[in-house]
Amino acid sequence: MKNFWNEKFKNQPNLYGNAPNLYFKEKLEETLPGKILLPGEGEGRNAIYAASKGWKVTAFDQSVIGKTRAVQRAESLGLHIDFQICDVNDFRTTPNEFDMLAFIYFHLPPPLSVSIYQKLLKALKPGGTLVIEGFGKDQLNYPSGGPKDIEMLYAMNELKGVFPGVKWIEEFDGILTLREGEGHLGDGHIIRLKGIKK
């Protein structure tokens, strides 16, 4: 997968645009700045936005090209992000460290997805905010991006069941029009969740 994303970003710079994900932006602005963890952060659009709003950002991804672009853009804006290169299995967390955890199009194959999501949830403080946006199962009917493996796409009840220690306060399961660079463009089946860790 590392080579897959390096090739993607090499051939299509700013694949998902420079602007943050709209749902992520909205939820971030509803929350007092603190420490945030952003897995699978690609070229850094969400990390850079969070840093610009006063958040202390930790992000990770497999793509060296993605990290290089993210850090260079952050530095050009006078911002700092802690961006680590690692496989998701190798990322080391500290329990109860972060005030927000955001999975923005962070799709993983099962059964890896369940163990990784639960591992990363442990890094979220009790009372911390979990934000999720990704593609639902019906995304296979749309050309706007996302995995082509139905097992990697979200189903609302299954996804909520992965996080038994979270109180859900917002959810959306439906069709939205995406305008996130060339990578996410057009109508898509989108699932959104916001929850608070108990």
N, C-alpha and C. Protein backbone atom coordinates (compact mmCIF):
# COMPACT_ATOMS: atom_id res chain seq x y z
N MET A 1 0.82 -1.22 0.00
CA MET A 1 0.00 0.00 0.00
C MET A 1 0.85 1.27 0.00
N LYS A 2 2.05 1.18 0.61
CA LYS A 2 2.94 2.34 0.62
C LYS A 2 3.26 2.79 -0.80
N ASN A 3 3.63 1.83 -1.64
CA ASN A 3 3.96 2.17 -3.02
C ASN A 3 2.73 2.66 -3.78
N PHE A 4 1.59 2.09 -3.47
CA PHE A 4 0.33 2.51 -4.11
C PHE A 4 0.09 4.00 -3.88
N TRP A 5 0.21 4.44 -2.64
CA TRP A 5 -0.07 5.86 -2.33
C TRP A 5 1.04 6.78 -2.80
N ASN A 6 2.28 6.33 -2.74
CA ASN A 6 3.36 7.14 -3.30
C ASN A 6 3.14 7.41 -4.79
N GLU A 7 2.74 6.37 -5.52
CA GLU A 7 2.48 6.53 -6.95
C GLU A 7 1.29 7.45 -7.19
N LYS A 8 0.25 7.28 -6.38
CA LYS A 8 -0.94 8.13 -6.50
C LYS A 8 -0.58 9.60 -6.35
N PHE A 9 0.14 9.91 -5.26
CA PHE A 9 0.47 11.31 -4.98
C PHE A 9 1.52 11.85 -5.96
N LYS A 10 2.40 10.97 -6.42
CA LYS A 10 3.41 11.39 -7.40
C LYS A 10 2.74 11.80 -8.71
N ASN A 11 1.78 11.01 -9.15
CA ASN A 11 1.13 11.24 -10.44
C ASN A 11 0.01 12.26 -10.38
N GLN A 12 -0.56 12.47 -9.19
CA GLN A 12 -1.68 13.40 -9.04
C GLN A 12 -1.47 14.27 -7.80
N PRO A 13 -0.61 15.29 -7.89
CA PRO A 13 -0.42 16.18 -6.74
C PRO A 13 -1.73 16.82 -6.31
N ASN A 14 -1.85 17.05 -4.99
CA ASN A 14 -3.08 17.61 -4.42
C ASN A 14 -4.30 16.79 -4.85
N LEU A 15 -4.17 15.49 -4.73
CA LEU A 15 -5.20 14.57 -5.20
C LEU A 15 -6.57 14.88 -4.58
N TYR A 16 -6.58 15.26 -3.31
CA TYR A 16 -7.85 15.57 -2.63
C TYR A 16 -7.99 17.06 -2.33
N GLY A 17 -7.19 17.88 -3.01
CA GLY A 17 -7.26 19.32 -2.81
C GLY A 17 -6.50 19.78 -1.57
N ASN A 18 -6.43 21.08 -1.39
CA ASN A 18 -5.76 21.66 -0.23
C ASN A 18 -6.72 21.98 0.91
N ALA A 19 -7.99 22.10 0.60
CA ALA A 19 -8.97 22.47 1.63
C ALA A 19 -9.28 21.27 2.52
N PRO A 20 -9.60 21.52 3.78
CA PRO A 20 -9.94 20.40 4.66
C PRO A 20 -11.27 19.77 4.26
N ASN A 21 -11.47 18.55 4.68
CA ASN A 21 -12.77 17.91 4.55
C ASN A 21 -13.82 18.76 5.27
N LEU A 22 -14.96 18.97 4.64
CA LEU A 22 -15.96 19.91 5.17
C LEU A 22 -16.52 19.46 6.51
N TYR A 23 -16.82 18.18 6.67
CA TYR A 23 -17.35 17.70 7.93
C TYR A 23 -16.31 17.82 9.03
N PHE A 24 -15.08 17.46 8.73
CA PHE A 24 -13.99 17.60 9.68
C PHE A 24 -13.84 19.06 10.11
N LYS A 25 -13.86 19.96 9.15
CA LYS A 25 -13.74 21.39 9.45
C LYS A 25 -14.84 21.86 10.39
N GLU A 26 -16.05 21.43 10.10
CA GLU A 26 -17.21 21.82 10.91
C GLU A 26 -17.07 21.32 12.34
N LYS A 27 -16.70 20.06 12.52
CA LYS A 27 -16.59 19.48 13.85
C LYS A 27 -15.41 20.07 14.62
N LEU A 28 -14.33 20.35 13.91
CA LEU A 28 -13.16 20.95 14.54
C LEU A 28 -13.52 22.31 15.14
N GLU A 29 -14.28 23.07 14.39
CA GLU A 29 -14.61 24.43 14.83
C GLU A 29 -15.64 24.45 15.94
N GLU A 30 -16.25 23.30 16.23
CA GLU A 30 -17.18 23.19 17.35
C GLU A 30 -16.48 22.82 18.65
N THR A 31 -15.16 22.58 18.57
CA THR A 31 -14.41 22.01 19.69
C THR A 31 -13.23 22.90 20.05
N LEU A 32 -13.00 23.09 21.35
CA LEU A 32 -11.84 23.87 21.77
C LEU A 32 -10.55 23.17 21.35
N PRO A 33 -9.56 23.91 20.87
CA PRO A 33 -8.31 23.29 20.42
C PRO A 33 -7.61 22.51 21.53
N GLY A 34 -7.02 21.41 21.13
CA GLY A 34 -6.25 20.56 22.03
C GLY A 34 -5.30 19.74 21.19
N LYS A 35 -5.16 18.47 21.55
CA LYS A 35 -4.31 17.56 20.78
C LYS A 35 -5.18 16.68 19.90
N ILE A 36 -4.77 16.53 18.63
CA ILE A 36 -5.57 15.76 17.68
C ILE A 36 -4.69 14.74 16.97
N LEU A 37 -5.29 13.56 16.71
CA LEU A 37 -4.61 12.48 15.99
C LEU A 37 -5.33 12.25 14.66
N LEU A 38 -4.55 12.26 13.57
CA LEU A 38 -5.09 12.10 12.22
C LEU A 38 -4.39 10.94 11.51
N PRO A 39 -4.97 9.75 11.54
CA PRO A 39 -4.38 8.62 10.83
C PRO A 39 -4.63 8.72 9.33
N GLY A 40 -3.70 8.18 8.54
CA GLY A 40 -3.86 8.14 7.10
C GLY A 40 -4.02 9.52 6.49
N GLU A 41 -3.14 10.44 6.85
CA GLU A 41 -3.35 11.86 6.55
C GLU A 41 -2.87 12.30 5.17
N GLY A 42 -2.29 11.40 4.39
CA GLY A 42 -2.00 11.72 2.99
C GLY A 42 -1.12 12.94 2.81
N GLU A 43 -1.64 13.93 2.08
CA GLU A 43 -0.89 15.15 1.79
C GLU A 43 -1.16 16.27 2.79
N GLY A 44 -1.89 15.96 3.86
CA GLY A 44 -1.92 16.86 5.00
C GLY A 44 -2.97 17.94 5.05
N ARG A 45 -3.99 17.87 4.20
CA ARG A 45 -4.95 18.99 4.15
C ARG A 45 -5.68 19.21 5.48
N ASN A 46 -6.05 18.13 6.15
CA ASN A 46 -6.76 18.28 7.42
C ASN A 46 -5.82 18.65 8.56
N ALA A 47 -4.62 18.09 8.54
CA ALA A 47 -3.63 18.40 9.57
C ALA A 47 -3.24 19.87 9.54
N ILE A 48 -3.03 20.39 8.34
CA ILE A 48 -2.64 21.79 8.20
C ILE A 48 -3.75 22.71 8.66
N TYR A 49 -4.98 22.37 8.31
CA TYR A 49 -6.10 23.21 8.76
C TYR A 49 -6.21 23.20 10.29
N ALA A 50 -6.09 22.00 10.88
CA ALA A 50 -6.18 21.92 12.34
C ALA A 50 -5.08 22.74 13.01
N ALA A 51 -3.86 22.64 12.48
CA ALA A 51 -2.76 23.42 13.05
C ALA A 51 -3.02 24.92 12.94
N SER A 52 -3.66 25.33 11.85
CA SER A 52 -3.94 26.76 11.66
C SER A 52 -4.98 27.26 12.66
N LYS A 53 -5.74 26.34 13.26
CA LYS A 53 -6.76 26.70 14.24
C LYS A 53 -6.28 26.49 15.67
N GLY A 54 -4.97 26.25 15.84
CA GLY A 54 -4.41 26.16 17.18
C GLY A 54 -4.32 24.76 17.76
N TRP A 55 -4.63 23.75 16.97
CA TRP A 55 -4.52 22.38 17.46
C TRP A 55 -3.07 21.90 17.40
N LYS A 56 -2.70 21.06 18.35
CA LYS A 56 -1.41 20.37 18.32
C LYS A 56 -1.63 19.05 17.59
N VAL A 57 -1.04 18.94 16.40
CA VAL A 57 -1.40 17.86 15.47
C VAL A 57 -0.35 16.75 15.43
N THR A 58 -0.83 15.52 15.58
CA THR A 58 -0.05 14.33 15.26
C THR A 58 -0.75 13.61 14.13
N ALA A 59 0.00 13.30 13.06
CA ALA A 59 -0.56 12.61 11.91
C ALA A 59 0.40 11.51 11.49
N PHE A 60 -0.14 10.50 10.80
CA PHE A 60 0.75 9.51 10.22
C PHE A 60 0.18 8.99 8.91
N ASP A 61 1.09 8.47 8.08
CA ASP A 61 0.73 7.92 6.79
C ASP A 61 1.88 7.05 6.31
N GLN A 62 1.63 6.22 5.31
CA GLN A 62 2.70 5.40 4.73
C GLN A 62 3.47 6.14 3.65
N SER A 63 2.91 7.19 3.09
CA SER A 63 3.49 7.83 1.92
C SER A 63 4.51 8.91 2.26
N VAL A 64 5.74 8.70 1.85
CA VAL A 64 6.79 9.70 2.04
C VAL A 64 6.47 10.95 1.22
N ILE A 65 5.95 10.75 0.02
CA ILE A 65 5.59 11.90 -0.83
C ILE A 65 4.49 12.72 -0.18
N GLY A 66 3.50 12.05 0.39
CA GLY A 66 2.43 12.76 1.09
C GLY A 66 2.96 13.57 2.25
N LYS A 67 3.83 12.96 3.06
CA LYS A 67 4.39 13.67 4.21
C LYS A 67 5.21 14.87 3.75
N THR A 68 6.06 14.68 2.75
CA THR A 68 6.92 15.76 2.27
C THR A 68 6.08 16.96 1.85
N ARG A 69 5.02 16.72 1.11
CA ARG A 69 4.16 17.82 0.66
C ARG A 69 3.46 18.48 1.85
N ALA A 70 3.01 17.67 2.79
CA ALA A 70 2.31 18.21 3.96
C ALA A 70 3.22 19.11 4.78
N VAL A 71 4.42 18.63 5.07
CA VAL A 71 5.34 19.38 5.92
C VAL A 71 5.82 20.64 5.22
N GLN A 72 6.10 20.55 3.93
CA GLN A 72 6.54 21.74 3.20
C GLN A 72 5.45 22.81 3.18
N ARG A 73 4.22 22.38 2.96
CA ARG A 73 3.12 23.36 2.93
C ARG A 73 2.89 23.96 4.31
N ALA A 74 2.96 23.13 5.34
CA ALA A 74 2.80 23.63 6.71
C ALA A 74 3.87 24.65 7.04
N GLU A 75 5.11 24.34 6.71
CA GLU A 75 6.21 25.26 7.00
C GLU A 75 6.07 26.57 6.23
N SER A 76 5.57 26.49 4.99
CA SER A 76 5.37 27.71 4.21
C SER A 76 4.32 28.62 4.83
N LEU A 77 3.44 28.02 5.65
CA LEU A 77 2.38 28.78 6.33
C LEU A 77 2.75 29.11 7.77
N GLY A 78 3.97 28.75 8.17
CA GLY A 78 4.42 29.01 9.53
C GLY A 78 3.77 28.10 10.56
N LEU A 79 3.42 26.88 10.14
CA LEU A 79 2.73 25.94 11.02
C LEU A 79 3.60 24.71 11.28
N HIS A 80 3.32 24.02 12.39
CA HIS A 80 4.04 22.79 12.71
C HIS A 80 3.06 21.64 12.85
N ILE A 81 3.39 20.52 12.21
CA ILE A 81 2.66 19.28 12.42
C ILE A 81 3.66 18.16 12.67
N ASP A 82 3.34 17.30 13.61
CA ASP A 82 4.15 16.11 13.86
C ASP A 82 3.62 15.02 12.92
N PHE A 83 4.30 14.81 11.80
CA PHE A 83 3.84 13.89 10.76
C PHE A 83 4.81 12.72 10.71
N GLN A 84 4.32 11.55 11.04
CA GLN A 84 5.16 10.35 11.10
C GLN A 84 4.90 9.44 9.91
N ILE A 85 5.95 8.81 9.41
CA ILE A 85 5.83 7.81 8.36
C ILE A 85 5.87 6.43 9.02
N CYS A 86 4.78 5.69 8.89
CA CYS A 86 4.76 4.34 9.44
C CYS A 86 3.55 3.57 8.92
N ASP A 87 3.64 2.27 8.98
CA ASP A 87 2.50 1.42 8.74
C ASP A 87 1.56 1.54 9.93
N VAL A 88 0.28 1.42 9.65
CA VAL A 88 -0.71 1.59 10.72
C VAL A 88 -0.49 0.60 11.87
N ASN A 89 0.04 -0.57 11.56
CA ASN A 89 0.30 -1.56 12.62
C ASN A 89 1.44 -1.14 13.54
N ASP A 90 2.31 -0.27 13.04
CA ASP A 90 3.50 0.12 13.80
C ASP A 90 3.35 1.42 14.55
N PHE A 91 2.25 2.14 14.34
CA PHE A 91 2.07 3.42 15.04
C PHE A 91 1.88 3.16 16.53
N ARG A 92 2.66 3.87 17.34
CA ARG A 92 2.61 3.69 18.79
C ARG A 92 1.81 4.81 19.44
N THR A 93 0.87 4.42 20.26
CA THR A 93 0.00 5.40 20.92
C THR A 93 0.23 5.40 22.43
N THR A 94 -0.15 6.50 23.04
CA THR A 94 -0.19 6.61 24.49
C THR A 94 -1.65 6.68 24.91
N PRO A 95 -2.08 5.88 25.86
CA PRO A 95 -3.49 5.92 26.25
C PRO A 95 -3.93 7.31 26.71
N ASN A 96 -5.13 7.68 26.33
CA ASN A 96 -5.77 8.93 26.80
C ASN A 96 -4.94 10.18 26.50
N GLU A 97 -4.33 10.23 25.33
CA GLU A 97 -3.44 11.34 24.99
C GLU A 97 -4.14 12.46 24.23
N PHE A 98 -5.13 12.11 23.41
CA PHE A 98 -5.66 13.08 22.45
C PHE A 98 -7.08 13.55 22.81
N ASP A 99 -7.36 14.78 22.43
CA ASP A 99 -8.69 15.37 22.65
C ASP A 99 -9.64 15.09 21.49
N MET A 100 -9.07 14.83 20.32
CA MET A 100 -9.88 14.48 19.15
C MET A 100 -9.13 13.45 18.32
N LEU A 101 -9.90 12.52 17.76
CA LEU A 101 -9.40 11.51 16.83
C LEU A 101 -10.31 11.56 15.61
N ALA A 102 -9.73 11.69 14.42
CA ALA A 102 -10.54 11.80 13.21
C ALA A 102 -10.11 10.79 12.17
N PHE A 103 -11.05 9.95 11.76
CA PHE A 103 -10.85 9.02 10.65
C PHE A 103 -11.53 9.61 9.42
N ILE A 104 -10.77 10.27 8.56
CA ILE A 104 -11.32 10.88 7.36
C ILE A 104 -10.90 10.04 6.15
N TYR A 105 -11.84 9.26 5.64
CA TYR A 105 -11.59 8.33 4.54
C TYR A 105 -10.41 7.40 4.87
N PHE A 106 -10.45 6.91 6.09
CA PHE A 106 -9.41 6.00 6.58
C PHE A 106 -9.97 4.57 6.51
N HIS A 107 -9.98 4.02 5.31
CA HIS A 107 -10.55 2.70 5.07
C HIS A 107 -9.48 1.63 5.17
N LEU A 108 -9.78 0.57 5.92
CA LEU A 108 -8.86 -0.54 6.09
C LEU A 108 -9.59 -1.85 5.83
N PRO A 109 -8.86 -2.88 5.42
CA PRO A 109 -9.51 -4.18 5.20
C PRO A 109 -9.80 -4.88 6.52
N PRO A 110 -10.94 -5.55 6.63
CA PRO A 110 -11.17 -6.37 7.82
C PRO A 110 -10.30 -7.62 7.73
N PRO A 111 -9.96 -8.24 8.88
CA PRO A 111 -10.30 -7.83 10.24
C PRO A 111 -9.35 -6.77 10.81
N LEU A 112 -8.38 -6.33 10.02
CA LEU A 112 -7.43 -5.32 10.48
C LEU A 112 -8.14 -4.06 10.95
N SER A 113 -9.20 -3.68 10.25
CA SER A 113 -9.87 -2.42 10.56
C SER A 113 -10.36 -2.37 12.00
N VAL A 114 -10.96 -3.45 12.46
CA VAL A 114 -11.52 -3.45 13.82
C VAL A 114 -10.41 -3.29 14.86
N SER A 115 -9.35 -4.06 14.74
CA SER A 115 -8.28 -4.00 15.74
C SER A 115 -7.58 -2.65 15.72
N ILE A 116 -7.38 -2.08 14.53
CA ILE A 116 -6.70 -0.78 14.43
C ILE A 116 -7.58 0.34 14.96
N TYR A 117 -8.85 0.36 14.59
CA TYR A 117 -9.75 1.41 15.08
C TYR A 117 -9.81 1.37 16.61
N GLN A 118 -9.89 0.19 17.17
CA GLN A 118 -9.99 0.08 18.63
C GLN A 118 -8.68 0.44 19.30
N LYS A 119 -7.57 0.08 18.68
CA LYS A 119 -6.26 0.47 19.22
C LYS A 119 -6.11 1.98 19.25
N LEU A 120 -6.48 2.64 18.16
CA LEU A 120 -6.34 4.10 18.10
C LEU A 120 -7.33 4.79 19.01
N LEU A 121 -8.49 4.18 19.21
CA LEU A 121 -9.48 4.78 20.13
C LEU A 121 -8.92 4.89 21.55
N LYS A 122 -8.05 3.96 21.94
CA LYS A 122 -7.46 4.01 23.28
C LYS A 122 -6.63 5.27 23.48
N ALA A 123 -6.16 5.87 22.39
CA ALA A 123 -5.37 7.09 22.50
C ALA A 123 -6.23 8.32 22.74
N LEU A 124 -7.54 8.18 22.60
CA LEU A 124 -8.47 9.29 22.82
C LEU A 124 -8.84 9.38 24.30
N LYS A 125 -8.81 10.59 24.83
CA LYS A 125 -9.17 10.80 26.23
C LYS A 125 -10.66 10.51 26.46
N PRO A 126 -11.04 10.06 27.66
CA PRO A 126 -12.46 10.05 28.00
C PRO A 126 -13.02 11.48 27.88
N GLY A 127 -14.14 11.60 27.23
CA GLY A 127 -14.70 12.93 26.96
C GLY A 127 -14.20 13.52 25.65
N GLY A 128 -13.23 12.84 25.01
CA GLY A 128 -12.71 13.30 23.73
C GLY A 128 -13.67 13.00 22.59
N THR A 129 -13.44 13.67 21.48
CA THR A 129 -14.34 13.60 20.32
C THR A 129 -13.78 12.70 19.22
N LEU A 130 -14.63 11.81 18.73
CA LEU A 130 -14.30 10.95 17.58
C LEU A 130 -15.11 11.42 16.38
N VAL A 131 -14.42 11.69 15.27
CA VAL A 131 -15.08 12.14 14.04
C VAL A 131 -14.73 11.16 12.92
N ILE A 132 -15.76 10.72 12.19
CA ILE A 132 -15.54 9.78 11.10
C ILE A 132 -16.29 10.25 9.86
N GLU A 133 -15.60 10.25 8.71
CA GLU A 133 -16.28 10.35 7.43
C GLU A 133 -15.63 9.38 6.47
N GLY A 134 -16.45 8.63 5.77
CA GLY A 134 -15.94 7.68 4.79
C GLY A 134 -17.05 7.21 3.87
N PHE A 135 -16.69 6.32 2.98
CA PHE A 135 -17.64 5.82 1.99
C PHE A 135 -18.42 4.62 2.51
N GLY A 136 -19.72 4.61 2.21
CA GLY A 136 -20.58 3.48 2.54
C GLY A 136 -20.56 2.43 1.45
N LYS A 137 -21.24 1.32 1.71
CA LYS A 137 -21.21 0.16 0.81
C LYS A 137 -21.72 0.50 -0.59
N ASP A 138 -22.69 1.41 -0.68
CA ASP A 138 -23.25 1.73 -2.00
C ASP A 138 -22.30 2.58 -2.86
N GLN A 139 -21.13 2.93 -2.32
CA GLN A 139 -20.17 3.72 -3.10
C GLN A 139 -19.71 2.97 -4.35
N LEU A 140 -19.84 1.67 -4.35
CA LEU A 140 -19.47 0.90 -5.54
C LEU A 140 -20.30 1.30 -6.76
N ASN A 141 -21.42 1.96 -6.54
CA ASN A 141 -22.28 2.42 -7.64
C ASN A 141 -21.93 3.82 -8.12
N TYR A 142 -20.90 4.42 -7.51
CA TYR A 142 -20.56 5.81 -7.84
C TYR A 142 -19.08 5.90 -8.23
N PRO A 143 -18.74 6.83 -9.15
CA PRO A 143 -17.36 6.95 -9.62
C PRO A 143 -16.55 8.03 -8.90
N SER A 144 -16.97 8.42 -7.70
CA SER A 144 -16.36 9.58 -7.04
C SER A 144 -15.21 9.23 -6.10
N GLY A 145 -14.70 7.99 -6.17
CA GLY A 145 -13.54 7.64 -5.36
C GLY A 145 -13.83 6.49 -4.41
N GLY A 146 -12.81 6.16 -3.62
CA GLY A 146 -12.97 5.15 -2.59
C GLY A 146 -12.52 3.76 -2.99
N PRO A 147 -12.41 2.85 -2.00
CA PRO A 147 -12.00 1.47 -2.28
C PRO A 147 -13.00 0.75 -3.18
N LYS A 148 -12.50 -0.17 -3.98
CA LYS A 148 -13.37 -0.97 -4.85
C LYS A 148 -13.73 -2.31 -4.22
N ASP A 149 -13.25 -2.52 -3.00
CA ASP A 149 -13.54 -3.73 -2.24
C ASP A 149 -14.66 -3.41 -1.25
N ILE A 150 -15.82 -4.07 -1.41
CA ILE A 150 -16.97 -3.75 -0.55
C ILE A 150 -16.67 -4.00 0.92
N GLU A 151 -15.76 -4.91 1.22
CA GLU A 151 -15.43 -5.19 2.62
C GLU A 151 -14.73 -4.01 3.29
N MET A 152 -14.13 -3.13 2.50
CA MET A 152 -13.44 -1.96 3.07
C MET A 152 -14.36 -0.75 3.22
N LEU A 153 -15.58 -0.86 2.70
CA LEU A 153 -16.53 0.25 2.79
C LEU A 153 -17.38 0.10 4.05
N TYR A 154 -17.90 1.24 4.53
CA TYR A 154 -18.60 1.27 5.81
C TYR A 154 -20.08 0.87 5.70
N ALA A 155 -20.55 0.22 6.74
CA ALA A 155 -21.98 0.08 7.01
C ALA A 155 -22.20 0.71 8.38
N MET A 156 -23.19 1.56 8.48
CA MET A 156 -23.36 2.38 9.69
C MET A 156 -23.39 1.55 10.97
N ASN A 157 -24.25 0.56 11.06
CA ASN A 157 -24.38 -0.19 12.31
C ASN A 157 -23.13 -1.00 12.63
N GLU A 158 -22.49 -1.54 11.59
CA GLU A 158 -21.24 -2.27 11.81
C GLU A 158 -20.16 -1.33 12.33
N LEU A 159 -20.08 -0.16 11.74
CA LEU A 159 -19.05 0.81 12.13
C LEU A 159 -19.26 1.27 13.57
N LYS A 160 -20.49 1.58 13.93
CA LYS A 160 -20.77 2.00 15.29
C LYS A 160 -20.44 0.90 16.29
N GLY A 161 -20.65 -0.35 15.88
CA GLY A 161 -20.39 -1.48 16.77
C GLY A 161 -18.92 -1.71 17.07
N VAL A 162 -18.05 -1.14 16.22
CA VAL A 162 -16.60 -1.27 16.44
C VAL A 162 -16.15 -0.45 17.64
N PHE A 163 -16.94 0.55 18.02
CA PHE A 163 -16.56 1.49 19.08
C PHE A 163 -17.57 1.44 20.23
N PRO A 164 -17.58 0.35 21.01
CA PRO A 164 -18.59 0.21 22.06
C PRO A 164 -18.47 1.25 23.17
N GLY A 165 -17.32 1.89 23.31
CA GLY A 165 -17.13 2.87 24.37
C GLY A 165 -17.41 4.30 23.95
N VAL A 166 -18.16 4.47 22.86
CA VAL A 166 -18.42 5.81 22.33
C VAL A 166 -19.92 6.09 22.36
N LYS A 167 -20.29 7.28 22.81
CA LYS A 167 -21.68 7.74 22.76
C LYS A 167 -21.84 8.58 21.49
N TRP A 168 -22.66 8.10 20.57
CA TRP A 168 -22.82 8.78 19.29
C TRP A 168 -23.81 9.93 19.42
N ILE A 169 -23.44 11.10 18.91
CA ILE A 169 -24.31 12.26 19.01
C ILE A 169 -24.71 12.82 17.65
N GLU A 170 -24.06 12.35 16.58
CA GLU A 170 -24.42 12.73 15.22
C GLU A 170 -24.19 11.56 14.30
N GLU A 171 -25.08 11.37 13.34
CA GLU A 171 -24.84 10.37 12.31
C GLU A 171 -25.56 10.75 11.02
N PHE A 172 -24.92 10.37 9.91
CA PHE A 172 -25.48 10.61 8.58
C PHE A 172 -25.11 9.45 7.69
N ASP A 173 -26.08 8.98 6.90
CA ASP A 173 -25.87 7.87 5.99
C ASP A 173 -26.67 8.17 4.73
N GLY A 174 -26.00 8.66 3.68
CA GLY A 174 -26.74 9.05 2.49
C GLY A 174 -25.82 9.50 1.37
N ILE A 175 -26.41 10.16 0.40
CA ILE A 175 -25.69 10.60 -0.79
C ILE A 175 -25.36 12.08 -0.69
N LEU A 176 -24.09 12.40 -0.90
CA LEU A 176 -23.63 13.79 -0.91
C LEU A 176 -22.78 14.01 -2.16
N THR A 177 -22.66 15.28 -2.56
CA THR A 177 -21.80 15.64 -3.67
C THR A 177 -20.45 16.09 -3.12
N LEU A 178 -19.40 15.41 -3.53
CA LEU A 178 -18.05 15.72 -3.06
C LEU A 178 -17.32 16.61 -4.05
N ARG A 179 -16.55 17.54 -3.50
CA ARG A 179 -15.66 18.38 -4.32
C ARG A 179 -14.33 18.50 -3.59
N GLU A 180 -13.61 17.39 -3.53
CA GLU A 180 -12.33 17.33 -2.84
C GLU A 180 -11.26 16.93 -3.85
N GLY A 181 -10.79 17.92 -4.61
CA GLY A 181 -9.80 17.65 -5.65
C GLY A 181 -10.33 16.67 -6.68
N GLU A 182 -9.43 16.02 -7.40
CA GLU A 182 -9.82 15.03 -8.40
C GLU A 182 -10.13 13.68 -7.76
N GLY A 183 -9.64 13.48 -6.53
CA GLY A 183 -9.79 12.18 -5.89
C GLY A 183 -11.17 11.87 -5.40
N HIS A 184 -11.89 12.88 -4.94
CA HIS A 184 -13.26 12.74 -4.47
C HIS A 184 -14.10 13.79 -5.19
N LEU A 185 -14.71 13.41 -6.28
CA LEU A 185 -15.43 14.39 -7.10
C LEU A 185 -16.71 13.77 -7.62
N GLY A 186 -17.84 14.37 -7.21
CA GLY A 186 -19.15 13.90 -7.66
C GLY A 186 -19.95 13.29 -6.53
N ASP A 187 -21.10 12.75 -6.86
CA ASP A 187 -21.97 12.14 -5.85
C ASP A 187 -21.34 10.88 -5.29
N GLY A 188 -21.57 10.66 -4.00
CA GLY A 188 -21.05 9.46 -3.35
C GLY A 188 -21.90 9.07 -2.16
N HIS A 189 -21.78 7.81 -1.76
CA HIS A 189 -22.46 7.31 -0.57
C HIS A 189 -21.55 7.56 0.63
N ILE A 190 -21.98 8.50 1.47
CA ILE A 190 -21.14 8.98 2.56
C ILE A 190 -21.74 8.63 3.92
N ILE A 191 -20.88 8.18 4.82
CA ILE A 191 -21.25 7.96 6.21
C ILE A 191 -20.44 8.90 7.09
N ARG A 192 -21.17 9.58 7.98
CA ARG A 192 -20.54 10.52 8.92
C ARG A 192 -20.97 10.18 10.34
N LEU A 193 -20.04 10.27 11.27
CA LEU A 193 -20.33 10.03 12.67
C LEU A 193 -19.53 11.00 13.54
N LYS A 194 -20.18 11.46 14.60
CA LYS A 194 -19.48 12.18 15.66
C LYS A 194 -19.89 11.56 16.99
N GLY A 195 -18.89 11.25 17.80
CA GLY A 195 -19.17 10.64 19.10
C GLY A 195 -18.23 11.14 20.17
N ILE A 196 -18.61 10.86 21.41
CA ILE A 196 -17.81 11.23 22.58
C ILE A 196 -17.40 9.94 23.30
N LYS A 197 -16.12 9.80 23.57
CA LYS A 197 -15.65 8.61 24.29
C LYS A 197 -16.08 8.68 25.74
N LYS A 198 -16.66 7.58 26.21
CA LYS A 198 -17.16 7.52 27.58
C LYS A 198 -16.00 7.38 28.57
